[in-house]
Structures are given as C-alpha cells and as structure tokens.
Amino acid sequence: MVGSREIQTKWDQLYQEGRISRHRGNTHRWLTTHKRWLSGGLALEIACGRGWDAIWLAQHGYRVIATDISRRALQLARRAAHAAGIEERMIFLLSNVQEVDFLPATFDLLLGFSFWERKKAPVMKAWVKPGGLILYETLNSGWLDFRPGVNPEHVLRPGELSAWLADWEIIDQKEMMDWREEEGIRPVNGILARKPAEK
C-alpha cells in the first residue's frame, strides 16, 4: 500500500512540473451553475488543488477550509488567494483525506472535484450540518475506457453518488459516460444534495 509520503511526493512533483492544469484557472461549471443554492457559511473543499473553486467560494460569502495532500498545490493556492485579496477568509490545510477528520455537523458546504475516496465517503457526510449541502463532481467508471491504467477504486461506479446521498434531498445530479474533450464533456458524475434538517 502506498503511504501518504509517497503520494504527497508524487503530487508535489506533478504540480512543480506544471503537469496539473487543474482546469486552467477556471472555476468548475458544476459549482457556478448552482450558485443560487449557495448561501454562505463555513465550507470545506477536499483535494482543492490550485484552489480556484475554494477562492470562488470565499469571494461569494463563504469562509473556506481548503485541503490537499500536495504542499506545492497549497503554495499555489495561497498565492492565488493573496492575489484575489481574500486570504483572511481561507485556511489551507495540508492533509491526506484518508487521515484527516472533523467534528460532525461542522460545515455548511462540502465541496469535492476530481477526487473520490470510497472508504471515507460515509464519514464526509457526517461533517455536514443539518440543512447543509454537498456539491460533488468526479470521474466515473467510463474513464477506464479511455485511461485503463487508472485505479478503479478512485472512480465512481454507476449510481454511486446518488446511493451515497440517498437519504438526503437530491437537488441535482448527472451521469456522463462520454468523452468529447472539444465540447467539454468528460465521463463524470455530479451531485448537489441537502442534508435533512434536524427534527
């Protein structure tokens, strides 16, 4: 089993060499499309990369904890946050999602893109406050048709996101199996769901 240090070294090197574009400085469309549902509070982004989505949240009323396993990615994210003038609204946390933990009912929003850790998913749900949201988009098993070397444990199975949040109110979801890069279409699943309020 590959340890956290080896994973961190791998991603640091990829960011250092400029091989991770992380959507080229643009906020993910799945996030901006659902702006009207986002009302501010405390947000957590896991595997934030260069931090563009976390910065967007900070610019739209959230205080944000942005985590990533790559020290280099977080350096780039901090630099971008400083340039945007919203550093004081953000905390950057160097962490492996497999090892990090938060108290239950801490966050108003949990955000995740291009990352899936199946064993951690039930715990991540608990971090969200009643009435809070999860907004998630990541690669599904259709990716394996185009990149057969990818570890299948890190891509979504059909229906996995909706099953994960089946006891929540699902506001929007998508499953796309095609890959037409010129049209911005990749094999991804996405979901926006609200945790039931306490009775």
N, C-alpha and C. Protein backbone atom coordinates (compact mmCIF):
# COMPACT_ATOMS: atom_id res chain seq x y z
N MET A 1 0.84 -1.19 0.00
CA MET A 1 0.00 0.00 0.00
C MET A 1 0.88 1.25 0.00
N VAL A 2 0.56 2.20 -0.87
CA VAL A 2 1.35 3.42 -0.96
C VAL A 2 1.00 4.33 0.20
N GLY A 3 2.03 4.85 0.89
CA GLY A 3 1.81 5.70 2.04
C GLY A 3 1.61 7.15 1.66
N SER A 4 1.21 7.97 2.66
CA SER A 4 0.93 9.38 2.43
C SER A 4 2.15 10.12 1.90
N ARG A 5 3.35 9.79 2.42
CA ARG A 5 4.54 10.50 1.98
C ARG A 5 4.80 10.28 0.49
N GLU A 6 4.63 9.05 0.03
CA GLU A 6 4.84 8.75 -1.39
C GLU A 6 3.81 9.46 -2.26
N ILE A 7 2.56 9.47 -1.80
CA ILE A 7 1.50 10.15 -2.56
C ILE A 7 1.78 11.64 -2.62
N GLN A 8 2.17 12.22 -1.48
CA GLN A 8 2.48 13.65 -1.45
C GLN A 8 3.63 13.98 -2.41
N THR A 9 4.68 13.18 -2.39
CA THR A 9 5.82 13.42 -3.28
C THR A 9 5.40 13.38 -4.74
N LYS A 10 4.56 12.41 -5.08
CA LYS A 10 4.08 12.28 -6.47
C LYS A 10 3.34 13.54 -6.91
N TRP A 11 2.40 14.01 -6.10
CA TRP A 11 1.60 15.18 -6.48
C TRP A 11 2.41 16.46 -6.43
N ASP A 12 3.30 16.58 -5.47
CA ASP A 12 4.18 17.75 -5.45
C ASP A 12 4.98 17.85 -6.74
N GLN A 13 5.49 16.72 -7.20
CA GLN A 13 6.27 16.72 -8.42
C GLN A 13 5.43 17.10 -9.63
N LEU A 14 4.21 16.57 -9.70
CA LEU A 14 3.33 16.89 -10.82
C LEU A 14 3.00 18.38 -10.86
N TYR A 15 2.73 18.97 -9.69
CA TYR A 15 2.44 20.41 -9.66
C TYR A 15 3.70 21.22 -9.96
N GLN A 16 4.82 20.79 -9.43
CA GLN A 16 6.07 21.51 -9.65
C GLN A 16 6.44 21.54 -11.13
N GLU A 17 6.17 20.45 -11.82
CA GLU A 17 6.49 20.35 -13.25
C GLU A 17 5.42 20.97 -14.14
N GLY A 18 4.34 21.47 -13.52
CA GLY A 18 3.29 22.09 -14.29
C GLY A 18 2.44 21.12 -15.08
N ARG A 19 2.41 19.86 -14.64
CA ARG A 19 1.66 18.83 -15.37
C ARG A 19 0.21 18.72 -14.91
N ILE A 20 -0.16 19.49 -13.90
CA ILE A 20 -1.54 19.51 -13.42
C ILE A 20 -2.12 20.88 -13.73
N SER A 21 -2.98 20.93 -14.72
CA SER A 21 -3.55 22.23 -15.10
C SER A 21 -4.63 22.66 -14.14
N ARG A 22 -5.31 21.68 -13.52
CA ARG A 22 -6.43 21.92 -12.57
C ARG A 22 -7.42 22.92 -13.15
N HIS A 23 -8.00 22.54 -14.25
CA HIS A 23 -8.97 23.30 -15.02
C HIS A 23 -8.55 24.72 -15.34
N ARG A 24 -7.24 24.93 -15.48
CA ARG A 24 -6.68 26.13 -16.11
C ARG A 24 -7.19 27.43 -15.49
N GLY A 25 -7.32 27.47 -14.20
CA GLY A 25 -7.69 28.71 -13.53
C GLY A 25 -9.16 29.04 -13.56
N ASN A 26 -9.98 28.17 -14.13
CA ASN A 26 -11.42 28.42 -14.21
C ASN A 26 -12.15 27.65 -13.12
N THR A 27 -13.12 28.29 -12.51
CA THR A 27 -13.96 27.60 -11.55
C THR A 27 -14.80 26.55 -12.26
N HIS A 28 -15.00 25.41 -11.62
CA HIS A 28 -15.80 24.34 -12.23
C HIS A 28 -17.22 24.81 -12.52
N ARG A 29 -17.71 24.46 -13.69
CA ARG A 29 -19.06 24.84 -14.09
C ARG A 29 -20.12 24.23 -13.17
N TRP A 30 -19.87 23.04 -12.68
CA TRP A 30 -20.84 22.39 -11.78
C TRP A 30 -21.04 23.21 -10.50
N LEU A 31 -20.02 23.97 -10.10
CA LEU A 31 -20.14 24.86 -8.95
C LEU A 31 -20.88 26.14 -9.32
N THR A 32 -20.44 26.82 -10.35
CA THR A 32 -21.06 28.11 -10.69
C THR A 32 -22.50 27.96 -11.15
N THR A 33 -22.82 26.84 -11.77
CA THR A 33 -24.19 26.59 -12.21
C THR A 33 -25.17 26.58 -11.04
N HIS A 34 -24.67 26.19 -9.86
CA HIS A 34 -25.56 26.05 -8.71
C HIS A 34 -25.38 27.18 -7.69
N LYS A 35 -24.93 28.31 -8.15
CA LYS A 35 -24.66 29.45 -7.28
C LYS A 35 -25.87 29.82 -6.42
N ARG A 36 -27.06 29.73 -6.99
CA ARG A 36 -28.26 30.19 -6.26
C ARG A 36 -28.55 29.37 -5.01
N TRP A 37 -27.97 28.18 -4.93
CA TRP A 37 -28.19 27.33 -3.75
C TRP A 37 -27.18 27.61 -2.64
N LEU A 38 -26.18 28.42 -2.93
CA LEU A 38 -25.07 28.60 -2.01
C LEU A 38 -25.23 29.90 -1.24
N SER A 39 -25.45 29.77 0.05
CA SER A 39 -25.83 30.94 0.86
C SER A 39 -24.77 31.37 1.87
N GLY A 40 -23.57 30.83 1.76
CA GLY A 40 -22.50 31.25 2.66
C GLY A 40 -22.43 30.40 3.92
N GLY A 41 -21.42 30.68 4.74
CA GLY A 41 -21.16 29.90 5.94
C GLY A 41 -19.75 29.35 5.90
N LEU A 42 -19.55 28.18 6.47
CA LEU A 42 -18.24 27.53 6.50
C LEU A 42 -18.23 26.38 5.51
N ALA A 43 -17.27 26.40 4.59
CA ALA A 43 -17.17 25.38 3.55
C ALA A 43 -15.86 24.61 3.69
N LEU A 44 -15.90 23.36 3.28
CA LEU A 44 -14.71 22.52 3.19
C LEU A 44 -14.57 22.06 1.76
N GLU A 45 -13.39 22.29 1.16
CA GLU A 45 -13.09 21.66 -0.12
C GLU A 45 -11.98 20.65 0.09
N ILE A 46 -12.24 19.42 -0.32
CA ILE A 46 -11.22 18.39 -0.24
C ILE A 46 -10.50 18.29 -1.58
N ALA A 47 -9.20 18.02 -1.51
CA ALA A 47 -8.37 17.92 -2.72
C ALA A 47 -8.54 19.17 -3.58
N CYS A 48 -8.22 20.32 -3.00
CA CYS A 48 -8.52 21.60 -3.64
C CYS A 48 -7.58 21.96 -4.78
N GLY A 49 -6.44 21.26 -4.90
CA GLY A 49 -5.50 21.60 -5.96
C GLY A 49 -5.04 23.05 -5.86
N ARG A 50 -5.09 23.76 -6.96
CA ARG A 50 -4.65 25.17 -7.00
C ARG A 50 -5.63 26.12 -6.33
N GLY A 51 -6.79 25.62 -5.92
CA GLY A 51 -7.68 26.40 -5.08
C GLY A 51 -8.68 27.30 -5.77
N TRP A 52 -8.85 27.14 -7.09
CA TRP A 52 -9.74 28.07 -7.78
C TRP A 52 -11.18 28.01 -7.27
N ASP A 53 -11.68 26.82 -7.01
CA ASP A 53 -13.06 26.70 -6.53
C ASP A 53 -13.20 27.23 -5.11
N ALA A 54 -12.22 26.94 -4.27
CA ALA A 54 -12.24 27.45 -2.90
C ALA A 54 -12.19 28.97 -2.89
N ILE A 55 -11.39 29.55 -3.75
CA ILE A 55 -11.30 31.01 -3.85
C ILE A 55 -12.63 31.59 -4.30
N TRP A 56 -13.26 30.94 -5.27
CA TRP A 56 -14.58 31.40 -5.73
C TRP A 56 -15.58 31.39 -4.58
N LEU A 57 -15.56 30.35 -3.77
CA LEU A 57 -16.46 30.30 -2.62
C LEU A 57 -16.19 31.45 -1.65
N ALA A 58 -14.91 31.72 -1.39
CA ALA A 58 -14.56 32.81 -0.49
C ALA A 58 -15.01 34.15 -1.05
N GLN A 59 -15.02 34.29 -2.34
CA GLN A 59 -15.49 35.52 -2.97
C GLN A 59 -17.00 35.62 -2.97
N HIS A 60 -17.68 34.54 -2.63
CA HIS A 60 -19.15 34.52 -2.64
C HIS A 60 -19.71 34.20 -1.25
N GLY A 61 -19.04 34.69 -0.22
CA GLY A 61 -19.63 34.70 1.11
C GLY A 61 -19.25 33.59 2.05
N TYR A 62 -18.41 32.66 1.62
CA TYR A 62 -18.02 31.55 2.49
C TYR A 62 -16.67 31.83 3.16
N ARG A 63 -16.53 31.29 4.35
CA ARG A 63 -15.21 31.04 4.93
C ARG A 63 -14.86 29.61 4.54
N VAL A 64 -13.62 29.38 4.14
CA VAL A 64 -13.28 28.12 3.48
C VAL A 64 -12.06 27.47 4.12
N ILE A 65 -12.18 26.18 4.40
CA ILE A 65 -11.03 25.34 4.70
C ILE A 65 -10.77 24.52 3.44
N ALA A 66 -9.59 24.69 2.86
CA ALA A 66 -9.23 24.01 1.62
C ALA A 66 -8.09 23.04 1.89
N THR A 67 -8.30 21.78 1.62
CA THR A 67 -7.31 20.75 1.93
C THR A 67 -6.73 20.15 0.66
N ASP A 68 -5.47 19.74 0.76
CA ASP A 68 -4.85 18.98 -0.33
C ASP A 68 -3.64 18.25 0.25
N ILE A 69 -3.28 17.15 -0.40
CA ILE A 69 -2.11 16.38 0.05
C ILE A 69 -0.81 16.99 -0.48
N SER A 70 -0.91 17.87 -1.48
CA SER A 70 0.28 18.43 -2.11
C SER A 70 0.65 19.78 -1.49
N ARG A 71 1.83 19.85 -0.92
CA ARG A 71 2.34 21.11 -0.38
C ARG A 71 2.48 22.16 -1.49
N ARG A 72 2.96 21.71 -2.65
CA ARG A 72 3.13 22.64 -3.77
C ARG A 72 1.80 23.19 -4.25
N ALA A 73 0.78 22.36 -4.33
CA ALA A 73 -0.55 22.84 -4.73
C ALA A 73 -1.05 23.91 -3.78
N LEU A 74 -0.86 23.69 -2.48
CA LEU A 74 -1.33 24.67 -1.49
C LEU A 74 -0.53 25.96 -1.56
N GLN A 75 0.75 25.88 -1.89
CA GLN A 75 1.53 27.11 -2.09
C GLN A 75 0.94 27.93 -3.23
N LEU A 76 0.59 27.26 -4.32
CA LEU A 76 -0.02 27.94 -5.45
C LEU A 76 -1.39 28.50 -5.09
N ALA A 77 -2.15 27.74 -4.31
CA ALA A 77 -3.49 28.19 -3.89
C ALA A 77 -3.39 29.42 -2.98
N ARG A 78 -2.46 29.40 -2.04
CA ARG A 78 -2.28 30.56 -1.15
C ARG A 78 -1.89 31.80 -1.95
N ARG A 79 -1.01 31.62 -2.93
CA ARG A 79 -0.59 32.74 -3.77
C ARG A 79 -1.79 33.31 -4.52
N ALA A 80 -2.64 32.44 -5.05
CA ALA A 80 -3.82 32.90 -5.79
C ALA A 80 -4.81 33.60 -4.86
N ALA A 81 -4.97 33.08 -3.64
CA ALA A 81 -5.87 33.71 -2.68
C ALA A 81 -5.37 35.10 -2.29
N HIS A 82 -4.06 35.22 -2.12
CA HIS A 82 -3.47 36.52 -1.80
C HIS A 82 -3.71 37.51 -2.94
N ALA A 83 -3.51 37.05 -4.17
CA ALA A 83 -3.71 37.92 -5.33
C ALA A 83 -5.17 38.36 -5.44
N ALA A 84 -6.09 37.48 -5.00
CA ALA A 84 -7.51 37.81 -5.06
C ALA A 84 -7.97 38.65 -3.88
N GLY A 85 -7.10 38.81 -2.88
CA GLY A 85 -7.43 39.65 -1.73
C GLY A 85 -8.40 39.02 -0.75
N ILE A 86 -8.44 37.68 -0.71
CA ILE A 86 -9.40 37.03 0.20
C ILE A 86 -8.71 36.01 1.13
N GLU A 87 -7.42 36.18 1.35
CA GLU A 87 -6.68 35.27 2.22
C GLU A 87 -7.31 35.10 3.59
N GLU A 88 -7.84 36.21 4.14
CA GLU A 88 -8.35 36.17 5.51
C GLU A 88 -9.60 35.30 5.65
N ARG A 89 -10.21 34.93 4.54
CA ARG A 89 -11.41 34.09 4.57
C ARG A 89 -11.09 32.61 4.37
N MET A 90 -9.78 32.28 4.28
CA MET A 90 -9.40 30.93 3.89
C MET A 90 -8.35 30.34 4.82
N ILE A 91 -8.47 29.05 5.05
CA ILE A 91 -7.45 28.26 5.74
C ILE A 91 -7.05 27.14 4.79
N PHE A 92 -5.74 26.99 4.58
CA PHE A 92 -5.23 25.93 3.72
C PHE A 92 -4.60 24.86 4.60
N LEU A 93 -5.07 23.63 4.43
CA LEU A 93 -4.69 22.53 5.31
C LEU A 93 -4.02 21.43 4.51
N LEU A 94 -2.76 21.16 4.83
CA LEU A 94 -2.03 20.06 4.19
C LEU A 94 -2.48 18.76 4.84
N SER A 95 -3.14 17.90 4.06
CA SER A 95 -3.68 16.68 4.66
C SER A 95 -3.99 15.64 3.60
N ASN A 96 -3.94 14.39 4.03
CA ASN A 96 -4.45 13.27 3.27
C ASN A 96 -5.88 13.03 3.74
N VAL A 97 -6.83 13.07 2.84
CA VAL A 97 -8.23 12.91 3.23
C VAL A 97 -8.47 11.61 3.97
N GLN A 98 -7.69 10.59 3.67
CA GLN A 98 -7.83 9.32 4.37
C GLN A 98 -7.55 9.46 5.86
N GLU A 99 -6.76 10.46 6.24
CA GLU A 99 -6.31 10.58 7.62
C GLU A 99 -6.95 11.75 8.38
N VAL A 100 -7.44 12.75 7.67
CA VAL A 100 -7.99 13.92 8.33
C VAL A 100 -9.38 13.60 8.88
N ASP A 101 -9.78 14.34 9.92
CA ASP A 101 -11.13 14.17 10.46
C ASP A 101 -11.59 15.50 11.03
N PHE A 102 -12.90 15.69 11.02
CA PHE A 102 -13.52 16.88 11.58
C PHE A 102 -14.68 16.46 12.46
N LEU A 103 -15.11 17.35 13.32
CA LEU A 103 -16.26 17.06 14.17
C LEU A 103 -17.52 16.95 13.31
N PRO A 104 -18.47 16.13 13.72
CA PRO A 104 -19.74 16.06 12.99
C PRO A 104 -20.42 17.43 12.96
N ALA A 105 -21.20 17.66 11.90
CA ALA A 105 -22.01 18.87 11.76
C ALA A 105 -21.18 20.14 11.86
N THR A 106 -20.05 20.17 11.15
CA THR A 106 -19.16 21.33 11.18
C THR A 106 -19.39 22.28 10.00
N PHE A 107 -19.71 21.75 8.83
CA PHE A 107 -19.67 22.55 7.60
C PHE A 107 -21.05 22.78 7.00
N ASP A 108 -21.22 23.99 6.44
CA ASP A 108 -22.44 24.30 5.70
C ASP A 108 -22.37 23.77 4.27
N LEU A 109 -21.16 23.55 3.78
CA LEU A 109 -20.98 23.04 2.42
C LEU A 109 -19.73 22.17 2.38
N LEU A 110 -19.85 21.01 1.77
CA LEU A 110 -18.69 20.18 1.44
C LEU A 110 -18.58 20.13 -0.07
N LEU A 111 -17.38 20.45 -0.57
CA LEU A 111 -17.14 20.55 -2.00
C LEU A 111 -16.03 19.59 -2.40
N GLY A 112 -16.24 18.88 -3.50
CA GLY A 112 -15.19 17.97 -3.98
C GLY A 112 -15.24 17.84 -5.50
N PHE A 113 -14.06 17.92 -6.12
CA PHE A 113 -13.93 17.74 -7.56
C PHE A 113 -12.75 16.82 -7.85
N SER A 114 -12.96 15.93 -8.80
CA SER A 114 -11.87 15.09 -9.33
C SER A 114 -11.14 14.31 -8.25
N PHE A 115 -11.90 13.83 -7.29
CA PHE A 115 -11.32 13.05 -6.20
C PHE A 115 -12.41 12.17 -5.61
N TRP A 116 -12.06 10.91 -5.32
CA TRP A 116 -13.04 10.01 -4.68
C TRP A 116 -12.31 9.04 -3.78
N GLU A 117 -12.71 9.01 -2.54
CA GLU A 117 -12.15 8.08 -1.56
C GLU A 117 -13.33 7.33 -0.95
N ARG A 118 -13.61 6.17 -1.51
CA ARG A 118 -14.83 5.42 -1.19
C ARG A 118 -14.96 5.12 0.31
N LYS A 119 -13.87 4.73 0.93
CA LYS A 119 -13.94 4.34 2.34
C LYS A 119 -14.21 5.53 3.25
N LYS A 120 -13.88 6.73 2.78
CA LYS A 120 -14.06 7.93 3.60
C LYS A 120 -15.43 8.58 3.39
N ALA A 121 -16.12 8.20 2.34
CA ALA A 121 -17.36 8.88 1.97
C ALA A 121 -18.40 8.92 3.10
N PRO A 122 -18.66 7.84 3.84
CA PRO A 122 -19.65 7.92 4.91
C PRO A 122 -19.28 8.93 6.00
N VAL A 123 -17.99 9.04 6.28
CA VAL A 123 -17.53 9.98 7.29
C VAL A 123 -17.71 11.41 6.80
N MET A 124 -17.43 11.66 5.53
CA MET A 124 -17.55 13.01 4.99
C MET A 124 -18.99 13.52 5.11
N LYS A 125 -19.96 12.65 4.91
CA LYS A 125 -21.36 13.05 5.07
C LYS A 125 -21.62 13.60 6.46
N ALA A 126 -21.02 12.99 7.45
CA ALA A 126 -21.26 13.39 8.84
C ALA A 126 -20.70 14.77 9.16
N TRP A 127 -19.71 15.22 8.38
CA TRP A 127 -19.11 16.53 8.64
C TRP A 127 -20.06 17.68 8.32
N VAL A 128 -21.11 17.43 7.54
CA VAL A 128 -22.01 18.48 7.08
C VAL A 128 -23.13 18.71 8.10
N LYS A 129 -23.44 19.98 8.33
CA LYS A 129 -24.51 20.34 9.26
C LYS A 129 -25.88 19.93 8.69
N PRO A 130 -26.85 19.67 9.55
CA PRO A 130 -28.22 19.50 9.05
C PRO A 130 -28.63 20.74 8.26
N GLY A 131 -29.21 20.52 7.11
CA GLY A 131 -29.56 21.62 6.22
C GLY A 131 -28.43 22.07 5.32
N GLY A 132 -27.22 21.51 5.54
CA GLY A 132 -26.07 21.86 4.71
C GLY A 132 -26.04 21.07 3.41
N LEU A 133 -25.07 21.39 2.57
CA LEU A 133 -25.01 20.86 1.21
C LEU A 133 -23.72 20.09 0.94
N ILE A 134 -23.83 19.11 0.07
CA ILE A 134 -22.66 18.52 -0.59
C ILE A 134 -22.80 18.79 -2.08
N LEU A 135 -21.75 19.38 -2.65
CA LEU A 135 -21.67 19.59 -4.09
C LEU A 135 -20.42 18.86 -4.56
N TYR A 136 -20.62 17.87 -5.42
CA TYR A 136 -19.53 16.95 -5.76
C TYR A 136 -19.56 16.63 -7.25
N GLU A 137 -18.37 16.51 -7.83
CA GLU A 137 -18.24 16.03 -9.20
C GLU A 137 -16.91 15.33 -9.35
N THR A 138 -16.93 14.10 -9.86
CA THR A 138 -15.67 13.40 -10.07
C THR A 138 -15.82 12.35 -11.16
N LEU A 139 -14.73 11.75 -11.52
CA LEU A 139 -14.69 10.82 -12.64
C LEU A 139 -15.45 9.53 -12.32
N ASN A 140 -16.12 9.00 -13.33
CA ASN A 140 -16.82 7.74 -13.16
C ASN A 140 -16.13 6.61 -13.93
N SER A 141 -16.71 5.44 -13.90
CA SER A 141 -16.07 4.26 -14.48
C SER A 141 -15.90 4.35 -15.99
N GLY A 142 -16.62 5.28 -16.64
CA GLY A 142 -16.40 5.49 -18.06
C GLY A 142 -14.98 5.95 -18.37
N TRP A 143 -14.33 6.54 -17.39
CA TRP A 143 -12.94 6.98 -17.54
C TRP A 143 -12.02 5.81 -17.87
N LEU A 144 -12.36 4.63 -17.36
CA LEU A 144 -11.50 3.46 -17.55
C LEU A 144 -11.43 3.02 -19.01
N ASP A 145 -12.45 3.38 -19.80
CA ASP A 145 -12.42 3.05 -21.22
C ASP A 145 -11.37 3.86 -21.96
N PHE A 146 -11.05 5.04 -21.41
CA PHE A 146 -10.09 5.92 -22.06
C PHE A 146 -8.73 5.91 -21.36
N ARG A 147 -8.72 5.58 -20.07
CA ARG A 147 -7.49 5.55 -19.28
C ARG A 147 -7.47 4.25 -18.47
N PRO A 148 -7.22 3.11 -19.11
CA PRO A 148 -7.34 1.81 -18.43
C PRO A 148 -6.35 1.64 -17.27
N GLY A 149 -5.33 2.47 -17.18
CA GLY A 149 -4.39 2.34 -16.08
C GLY A 149 -4.83 2.99 -14.80
N VAL A 150 -5.95 3.69 -14.81
CA VAL A 150 -6.46 4.37 -13.61
C VAL A 150 -6.97 3.33 -12.61
N ASN A 151 -6.69 3.57 -11.34
CA ASN A 151 -7.17 2.68 -10.28
C ASN A 151 -8.69 2.77 -10.18
N PRO A 152 -9.42 1.69 -10.40
CA PRO A 152 -10.89 1.74 -10.37
C PRO A 152 -11.45 2.11 -9.00
N GLU A 153 -10.64 1.99 -7.96
CA GLU A 153 -11.11 2.39 -6.63
C GLU A 153 -11.28 3.89 -6.51
N HIS A 154 -10.72 4.66 -7.45
CA HIS A 154 -10.79 6.12 -7.37
C HIS A 154 -11.69 6.72 -8.43
N VAL A 155 -12.55 5.90 -9.02
CA VAL A 155 -13.58 6.41 -9.92
C VAL A 155 -14.93 5.88 -9.44
N LEU A 156 -15.98 6.63 -9.78
CA LEU A 156 -17.31 6.28 -9.31
C LEU A 156 -17.92 5.13 -10.09
N ARG A 157 -18.63 4.28 -9.38
CA ARG A 157 -19.44 3.25 -10.02
C ARG A 157 -20.78 3.86 -10.43
N PRO A 158 -21.49 3.25 -11.39
CA PRO A 158 -22.79 3.79 -11.78
C PRO A 158 -23.72 3.95 -10.58
N GLY A 159 -24.30 5.12 -10.45
CA GLY A 159 -25.26 5.38 -9.38
C GLY A 159 -24.65 5.56 -8.00
N GLU A 160 -23.34 5.61 -7.90
CA GLU A 160 -22.72 5.62 -6.57
C GLU A 160 -22.98 6.91 -5.79
N LEU A 161 -22.95 8.06 -6.46
CA LEU A 161 -23.19 9.31 -5.73
C LEU A 161 -24.62 9.38 -5.21
N SER A 162 -25.59 9.02 -6.04
CA SER A 162 -26.98 9.08 -5.58
C SER A 162 -27.25 8.06 -4.49
N ALA A 163 -26.57 6.91 -4.52
CA ALA A 163 -26.70 5.93 -3.43
C ALA A 163 -26.06 6.46 -2.15
N TRP A 164 -24.93 7.12 -2.27
CA TRP A 164 -24.23 7.71 -1.13
C TRP A 164 -25.11 8.71 -0.39
N LEU A 165 -25.88 9.49 -1.14
CA LEU A 165 -26.69 10.55 -0.54
C LEU A 165 -28.18 10.26 -0.69
N ALA A 166 -28.53 8.99 -0.70
CA ALA A 166 -29.92 8.59 -0.92
C ALA A 166 -30.86 9.09 0.17
N ASP A 167 -30.34 9.29 1.38
CA ASP A 167 -31.18 9.76 2.48
C ASP A 167 -31.19 11.28 2.59
N TRP A 168 -30.60 11.97 1.62
CA TRP A 168 -30.62 13.42 1.56
C TRP A 168 -31.59 13.86 0.46
N GLU A 169 -31.89 15.17 0.43
CA GLU A 169 -32.66 15.74 -0.67
C GLU A 169 -31.72 15.98 -1.85
N ILE A 170 -31.91 15.26 -2.93
CA ILE A 170 -31.07 15.44 -4.10
C ILE A 170 -31.66 16.56 -4.96
N ILE A 171 -30.89 17.63 -5.08
CA ILE A 171 -31.33 18.82 -5.80
C ILE A 171 -31.02 18.69 -7.29
N ASP A 172 -29.87 18.17 -7.60
CA ASP A 172 -29.47 17.99 -9.00
C ASP A 172 -28.42 16.89 -9.06
N GLN A 173 -28.37 16.20 -10.20
CA GLN A 173 -27.35 15.17 -10.39
C GLN A 173 -27.16 14.92 -11.87
N LYS A 174 -26.02 14.32 -12.22
CA LYS A 174 -25.74 14.00 -13.61
C LYS A 174 -24.82 12.79 -13.65
N GLU A 175 -24.92 12.03 -14.73
CA GLU A 175 -24.00 10.95 -15.04
C GLU A 175 -23.69 11.03 -16.52
N MET A 176 -22.43 11.27 -16.84
CA MET A 176 -22.00 11.42 -18.23
C MET A 176 -20.91 10.40 -18.51
N MET A 177 -21.14 9.52 -19.48
CA MET A 177 -20.19 8.45 -19.78
C MET A 177 -19.33 8.74 -20.99
N ASP A 178 -19.68 9.77 -21.77
CA ASP A 178 -18.93 10.08 -22.99
C ASP A 178 -17.71 10.94 -22.68
N TRP A 179 -16.80 10.99 -23.64
CA TRP A 179 -15.65 11.88 -23.55
C TRP A 179 -15.50 12.59 -24.89
N ARG A 180 -15.94 13.85 -24.92
CA ARG A 180 -15.77 14.70 -26.10
C ARG A 180 -15.09 15.98 -25.62
N GLU A 181 -13.77 15.92 -25.54
CA GLU A 181 -12.99 16.99 -24.92
C GLU A 181 -13.25 18.35 -25.56
N GLU A 182 -13.43 18.35 -26.88
CA GLU A 182 -13.65 19.62 -27.59
C GLU A 182 -14.95 20.27 -27.17
N GLU A 183 -15.89 19.50 -26.63
CA GLU A 183 -17.16 20.03 -26.15
C GLU A 183 -17.18 20.17 -24.63
N GLY A 184 -16.06 19.91 -24.00
CA GLY A 184 -16.00 19.99 -22.55
C GLY A 184 -16.72 18.86 -21.85
N ILE A 185 -16.91 17.74 -22.53
CA ILE A 185 -17.63 16.60 -21.96
C ILE A 185 -16.64 15.52 -21.56
N ARG A 186 -16.70 15.12 -20.31
CA ARG A 186 -15.85 14.04 -19.80
C ARG A 186 -16.73 13.07 -19.01
N PRO A 187 -16.26 11.83 -18.81
CA PRO A 187 -17.05 10.86 -18.04
C PRO A 187 -17.02 11.19 -16.55
N VAL A 188 -17.99 11.98 -16.11
CA VAL A 188 -18.07 12.40 -14.72
C VAL A 188 -19.48 12.23 -14.19
N ASN A 189 -19.58 12.06 -12.89
CA ASN A 189 -20.85 12.14 -12.19
C ASN A 189 -20.81 13.36 -11.29
N GLY A 190 -21.95 13.99 -11.12
CA GLY A 190 -22.05 15.12 -10.22
C GLY A 190 -23.33 15.07 -9.42
N ILE A 191 -23.29 15.70 -8.26
CA ILE A 191 -24.48 15.74 -7.41
C ILE A 191 -24.47 17.00 -6.56
N LEU A 192 -25.64 17.53 -6.32
CA LEU A 192 -25.88 18.56 -5.32
C LEU A 192 -27.01 18.06 -4.44
N ALA A 193 -26.74 17.95 -3.15
CA ALA A 193 -27.73 17.38 -2.24
C ALA A 193 -27.71 18.13 -0.91
N ARG A 194 -28.88 18.18 -0.27
CA ARG A 194 -29.02 18.86 1.02
C ARG A 194 -29.30 17.83 2.12
N LYS A 195 -28.57 17.95 3.20
CA LYS A 195 -28.76 17.07 4.35
C LYS A 195 -30.07 17.43 5.06
N PRO A 196 -30.85 16.45 5.46
CA PRO A 196 -32.12 16.76 6.14
C PRO A 196 -31.88 17.59 7.39
N ALA A 197 -32.77 18.54 7.62
CA ALA A 197 -32.70 19.32 8.84
C ALA A 197 -33.09 18.47 10.04
N GLU A 198 -32.58 18.83 11.20
CA GLU A 198 -32.94 18.10 12.41
C GLU A 198 -34.39 18.34 12.75
N LYS A 199 -35.05 17.28 13.21
CA LYS A 199 -36.47 17.40 13.57
C LYS A 199 -36.60 17.75 15.04
